[in-house]
Protein backbone atom coordinates (compact mmCIF):
# COMPACT_ATOMS: atom_id res chain seq x y z
CA MET A 1 -61.06 -0.05 -3.61
CA ASN A 2 -61.80 1.46 -0.17
CA ALA A 3 -59.10 2.56 2.26
CA ASN A 4 -59.38 -0.53 4.47
CA ALA A 5 -59.06 -2.84 1.49
CA GLY A 6 -55.98 -0.92 0.38
CA VAL A 7 -54.40 -1.34 3.80
CA ARG A 8 -55.17 -5.06 3.80
CA ALA A 9 -53.51 -5.39 0.40
CA ILE A 10 -50.20 -4.26 1.89
CA ARG A 11 -48.25 -6.53 4.20
CA ILE A 12 -45.25 -5.11 6.05
CA ALA A 13 -43.92 -7.26 8.89
CA THR A 14 -41.26 -4.79 10.08
CA ALA A 15 -39.59 -1.57 8.98
CA SER A 16 -36.63 -3.65 7.86
CA HIS A 17 -39.00 -5.68 5.68
CA ALA A 18 -40.05 -2.49 3.88
CA ALA A 19 -36.44 -1.32 3.53
CA PHE A 20 -35.27 -4.66 2.15
CA ALA A 21 -38.14 -4.76 -0.34
CA GLY A 22 -37.37 -1.19 -1.41
CA VAL A 23 -33.70 -2.02 -1.97
CA MET A 24 -34.65 -5.06 -4.08
CA ILE A 25 -36.91 -2.87 -6.21
CA GLY A 26 -34.13 -0.32 -6.56
CA LEU A 27 -31.61 -2.97 -7.61
CA GLY A 28 -34.02 -4.28 -10.21
CA ILE A 29 -34.69 -0.85 -11.70
CA LEU A 30 -30.98 -0.02 -11.68
CA GLY A 31 -30.16 -3.25 -13.50
CA LEU A 32 -32.75 -2.56 -16.20
CA LEU A 33 -31.54 1.02 -16.68
CA LYS A 34 -27.88 0.04 -16.86
CA ARG A 35 -28.54 -3.13 -18.82
CA ASP A 36 -25.78 -4.63 -16.75
CA LEU A 37 -25.37 -6.59 -13.54
CA THR A 38 -25.77 -4.40 -10.48
CA ALA A 39 -22.90 -4.48 -8.00
CA PRO A 40 -24.26 -7.13 -5.60
CA PHE A 41 -24.62 -9.61 -8.48
CA GLY A 42 -21.38 -8.88 -10.33
CA PRO A 43 -18.83 -9.60 -11.46
CA VAL A 44 -19.59 -12.05 -14.25
CA ALA A 45 -17.10 -12.19 -17.11
CA ASP A 46 -18.15 -10.34 -20.28
CA GLY A 47 -17.83 -13.48 -22.39
CA ALA A 48 -19.69 -15.77 -20.01
CA PRO A 49 -22.42 -17.86 -21.69
CA GLY A 50 -25.87 -16.39 -21.22
CA ARG A 51 -24.56 -13.20 -19.64
CA THR A 52 -27.34 -11.09 -21.19
CA ALA A 53 -29.97 -13.42 -19.81
CA LEU A 54 -28.30 -13.21 -16.40
CA ILE A 55 -28.44 -9.41 -16.53
CA TYR A 56 -32.19 -9.41 -17.02
CA LEU A 57 -32.71 -12.26 -14.55
CA CYS A 58 -30.77 -10.38 -11.86
CA ALA A 59 -32.86 -7.29 -12.52
CA LEU A 60 -36.31 -8.79 -12.89
CA VAL A 61 -36.21 -11.23 -9.98
CA PRO A 62 -35.33 -8.57 -7.35
CA LEU A 63 -37.75 -6.09 -8.94
CA VAL A 64 -40.73 -8.45 -9.10
CA CYS A 65 -39.98 -10.03 -5.72
CA GLY A 66 -39.43 -6.63 -4.13
CA VAL A 67 -42.89 -5.53 -5.19
CA GLY A 68 -44.34 -8.89 -4.20
CA LEU A 69 -42.83 -8.67 -0.73
CA VAL A 70 -45.10 -5.80 0.29
CA LEU A 71 -48.36 -7.22 -1.09
CA SER A 72 -50.36 -9.45 1.22
CA ARG A 73 -51.29 -12.02 -1.41
CA THR A 74 -47.80 -12.43 -2.78
CA ALA A 75 -45.47 -11.68 0.16
CA ALA A 76 -44.79 -15.28 1.16
CA GLY A 77 -44.33 -16.44 -2.43
CA ALA A 78 -42.06 -13.52 -3.25
CA ALA A 79 -39.90 -14.24 -0.19
CA ARG A 80 -39.71 -17.90 -1.21
CA VAL A 81 -38.66 -17.10 -4.79
CA LEU A 82 -36.15 -14.45 -3.75
CA LEU A 83 -34.55 -16.79 -1.22
CA ALA A 84 -34.33 -19.62 -3.76
CA PHE A 85 -32.78 -17.26 -6.31
CA LEU A 86 -30.15 -15.95 -3.87
CA VAL A 87 -29.28 -19.43 -2.58
CA LEU A 88 -28.89 -20.63 -6.17
CA TRP A 89 -26.73 -17.60 -7.03
CA LEU A 90 -24.62 -18.20 -3.93
CA LEU A 91 -24.03 -21.86 -4.73
CA ALA A 92 -23.90 -21.86 -8.53
CA VAL A 93 -22.08 -18.57 -9.14
CA ARG A 94 -20.33 -17.36 -6.01
CA VAL A 95 -18.89 -20.66 -4.76
CA PRO A 96 -17.26 -21.57 -8.12
CA TYR A 97 -15.96 -18.00 -8.46
CA PHE A 98 -14.58 -18.19 -4.93
CA ALA A 99 -12.82 -21.46 -5.80
CA LEU A 100 -11.26 -19.96 -8.95
CA VAL A 101 -9.96 -16.75 -7.37
CA SER A 102 -9.74 -17.69 -3.70
CA SER A 103 -6.36 -15.97 -3.46
CA SER A 104 -8.00 -12.68 -4.42
CA VAL A 105 -10.20 -10.50 -2.23
CA ASP A 106 -12.73 -10.34 -5.09
CA GLY A 107 -13.58 -14.01 -4.72
CA TRP A 108 -14.45 -14.19 -1.07
CA TYR A 109 -15.71 -10.61 -0.81
CA SER A 110 -18.29 -11.27 -3.53
CA TRP A 111 -19.31 -14.48 -1.78
CA CYS A 112 -19.71 -12.59 1.49
CA GLU A 113 -21.91 -9.90 -0.06
CA THR A 114 -24.24 -12.48 -1.54
CA ALA A 115 -24.27 -14.45 1.72
CA VAL A 116 -25.40 -11.38 3.68
CA MET A 117 -28.20 -10.67 1.19
CA THR A 118 -29.22 -14.33 1.36
CA ALA A 119 -29.30 -14.11 5.15
CA GLY A 120 -31.69 -11.17 5.00
CA ALA A 121 -33.94 -12.92 2.50
CA TRP A 122 -33.94 -16.10 4.61
CA VAL A 123 -34.98 -14.33 7.80
CA LEU A 124 -37.69 -12.46 5.91
CA PHE A 125 -38.92 -15.76 4.47
CA THR A 126 -39.33 -17.16 7.99
CA PHE A 127 -41.28 -14.03 8.97
CA LEU A 128 -43.66 -14.40 6.02
CA ALA A 129 -43.81 -18.20 5.65
CA THR A 130 -47.26 -19.73 5.37
CA ASP A 131 -48.44 -22.81 7.26
CA ALA A 132 -47.89 -24.79 4.06
CA ASP A 133 -44.28 -23.54 3.90
CA ARG A 134 -43.70 -24.67 7.46
CA ARG A 135 -45.15 -28.12 6.74
CA ARG A 136 -43.14 -28.67 3.57
CA LEU A 137 -39.97 -26.79 4.52
CA GLY A 138 -40.05 -27.10 8.28
CA PHE A 139 -36.34 -26.54 8.87
CA ALA A 140 -35.86 -23.75 6.33
CA ALA A 141 -39.07 -21.94 7.29
CA GLY A 142 -38.58 -22.10 11.03
CA ALA A 143 -35.99 -21.69 13.76
CA GLY A 144 -33.45 -23.77 11.86
CA GLY A 145 -33.64 -21.44 8.90
CA VAL A 146 -33.05 -18.43 11.15
CA ARG A 147 -29.95 -20.09 12.60
CA VAL A 148 -28.57 -20.70 9.12
CA ALA A 149 -29.34 -17.12 8.15
CA ARG A 150 -27.51 -15.78 11.19
CA ALA A 151 -24.47 -17.89 10.30
CA LEU A 152 -24.59 -16.56 6.74
CA TYR A 153 -24.53 -13.07 8.24
CA GLY A 154 -21.95 -13.61 10.98
CA PHE A 155 -19.22 -15.31 8.97
CA PRO A 156 -18.98 -12.57 6.31
CA LEU A 157 -18.68 -9.93 9.03
CA ILE A 158 -15.46 -11.60 10.15
CA LEU A 159 -14.09 -11.57 6.61
CA PHE A 160 -15.12 -7.93 6.13
CA GLY A 161 -13.06 -7.11 9.20
CA ILE A 162 -10.06 -9.12 8.03
CA ALA A 163 -10.22 -7.26 4.71
CA HIS A 164 -9.77 -3.98 6.61
CA PHE A 165 -6.47 -5.29 7.96
CA MET A 166 -5.27 -6.92 4.73
CA TYR A 167 -6.01 -3.87 2.59
CA LEU A 168 -5.26 -1.12 5.06
CA GLU A 169 -3.77 1.06 2.33
CA ASN A 170 -7.15 1.10 0.60
CA THR A 171 -9.32 1.35 3.72
CA ALA A 172 -7.60 4.17 5.61
CA PRO A 173 -7.93 6.76 2.80
CA LEU A 174 -11.71 6.26 2.81
CA VAL A 175 -11.97 7.70 6.32
CA PRO A 176 -13.42 11.24 6.04
CA ASP A 177 -10.79 13.97 6.10
CA TRP A 178 -12.36 15.67 9.12
CA LEU A 179 -11.65 12.62 11.27
CA PRO A 180 -8.15 12.20 12.71
CA TRP A 181 -6.17 8.96 12.90
CA HIS A 182 -7.32 7.37 9.65
CA VAL A 183 -5.30 4.21 10.19
CA GLY A 184 -6.67 3.90 13.71
CA TRP A 185 -10.26 4.11 12.45
CA ALA A 186 -9.50 1.46 9.82
CA TYR A 187 -8.16 -0.88 12.50
CA LEU A 188 -11.08 -0.12 14.83
CA THR A 189 -13.79 -0.77 12.25
CA GLY A 190 -12.03 -3.94 11.13
CA ALA A 191 -11.85 -5.20 14.72
CA THR A 192 -15.50 -4.39 15.39
CA PHE A 193 -16.57 -6.31 12.30
CA VAL A 194 -14.62 -9.35 13.49
CA LEU A 195 -16.03 -9.12 17.01
CA ALA A 196 -19.58 -8.65 15.70
CA GLY A 197 -19.24 -11.70 13.47
CA LEU A 198 -17.98 -13.83 16.35
CA ALA A 199 -20.83 -12.62 18.56
CA VAL A 200 -23.46 -13.49 15.94
CA LEU A 201 -21.94 -16.93 15.35
CA THR A 202 -21.65 -17.79 19.05
CA GLY A 203 -24.87 -16.13 20.19
CA VAL A 204 -23.07 -14.10 22.86
CA TRP A 205 -24.40 -10.53 22.82
CA ALA A 206 -25.57 -11.35 19.31
CA ARG A 207 -28.46 -8.90 19.13
CA LEU A 208 -26.27 -5.97 20.16
CA ALA A 209 -23.51 -7.04 17.78
CA ALA A 210 -25.88 -7.42 14.82
CA ALA A 211 -27.44 -4.02 15.46
CA LEU A 212 -24.07 -2.29 15.81
CA SER A 213 -22.77 -3.92 12.63
CA VAL A 214 -25.74 -2.50 10.73
CA TRP A 215 -25.10 0.94 12.22
CA GLN A 216 -21.45 0.69 11.23
CA MET A 217 -22.27 -0.19 7.63
CA GLY A 218 -24.93 2.49 7.54
CA LEU A 219 -22.55 5.14 8.83
CA PHE A 220 -20.01 4.04 6.24
CA ALA A 221 -22.57 4.63 3.50
CA LEU A 222 -23.59 7.96 5.02
CA LEU A 223 -20.15 9.37 5.88
CA VAL A 224 -17.97 7.87 3.15
CA TRP A 225 -19.99 7.14 0.02
CA ALA A 226 -22.86 9.65 0.24
CA PRO A 227 -20.70 12.84 0.37
CA ARG A 228 -18.61 11.62 -2.54
CA ALA A 229 -21.74 10.74 -4.49
CA PHE A 230 -23.19 14.23 -3.99
CA ALA A 231 -19.85 15.73 -5.02
CA GLY A 232 -19.75 13.60 -8.17
CA ALA A 233 -16.46 12.10 -7.01
CA LEU A 234 -17.36 8.40 -7.09
CA SER A 235 -15.79 6.14 -9.69
CA GLU A 236 -17.92 3.43 -11.30
CA PHE A 237 -16.41 0.90 -8.90
CA GLN A 238 -17.17 3.13 -5.90
CA TRP A 239 -20.76 3.62 -7.05
CA GLY A 240 -21.05 -0.15 -7.03
CA GLU A 241 -19.67 -0.24 -3.50
CA PHE A 242 -22.19 2.40 -2.42
CA VAL A 243 -25.09 0.39 -3.85
CA THR A 244 -23.77 -2.80 -2.29
CA THR A 245 -23.37 -1.16 1.11
CA VAL A 246 -27.00 -0.02 1.05
CA ALA A 247 -28.09 -3.56 0.14
CA LEU A 248 -26.00 -5.02 2.98
CA VAL A 249 -27.46 -2.54 5.47
CA SER A 250 -31.01 -3.52 4.55
CA ALA A 251 -30.21 -7.25 4.79
CA GLY A 252 -28.40 -6.81 8.09
CA TRP A 253 -31.35 -4.89 9.47
CA VAL A 254 -33.65 -7.81 8.68
CA VAL A 255 -31.25 -10.23 10.40
CA THR A 256 -31.11 -7.95 13.43
CA ASP A 257 -34.91 -8.08 13.63
CA SER A 258 -34.67 -11.86 14.03
CA TYR A 259 -33.45 -11.15 17.59
CA ARG A 260 -36.60 -9.28 18.65
CA GLY A 261 -37.41 -10.20 22.23
CA VAL A 262 -33.86 -11.37 22.93
CA PRO A 263 -32.00 -9.34 25.60
CA TRP A 264 -29.28 -7.15 24.08
CA THR A 265 -26.55 -8.83 26.12
CA ALA A 266 -27.92 -12.38 26.23
CA SER A 267 -25.30 -15.13 26.20
CA ARG A 268 -27.47 -17.25 23.92
CA SER A 269 -30.10 -16.21 21.39
CA ARG A 270 -33.03 -18.21 20.13
CA PRO A 271 -34.85 -17.25 16.95
CA SER A 272 -37.87 -15.08 17.71
CA ARG A 273 -41.23 -16.24 16.45
């Protein structure tokens, strides 16, 4: 294969596209190595029927689709399959779990994490959709799909912020020791998540809000989880949170790219095409 043919074989729409595909590949490999559900797809009870099959399904689908997302011939199909898988997981697994444990943060937090990943996959699907996709799935593959994806991103941001306030005793200690006013930072980051979610949902300054929310999650991974990971001080639960945060950053980055061409402080935002 010559160099030009090799370049044509790769299809990368945006940097966020490459990052999201890389994270999906990483989640798949991690799931196969652990032989367990990776953090964004857990928890599923140990005795749940077909749990072993779910473990391999939740590893192989992201892995195969992640690879497929960067290949020209398979990018659109991989985006379609990944979106269908995440929507199905959101509706068939997360919604019932949310209904069973709605009084617990685990229920709605897990739903929110999956919703953000679904939002990223949905936007990427609209970027990569073929003409046939647009004919058959006009709403989902076009501007309507982007609007749904943005809602799936904005609403969880509000709940992430509320969680900061509800569980302040758990959030404040995560602030790095070299920063003063730990409680103040916990309140500030919670408030910014809420404001960002409202901005994305209403379309007011949505592009700026989406971008800043990604930066906030990215800084959380960099300043909170990464140093503890290098120091070997992360518990199994915290490792899961680290992995999930990276996945959310990549999905949020894709959603932010859906605002390309929209002014940063626009009062309304239309999906970019």
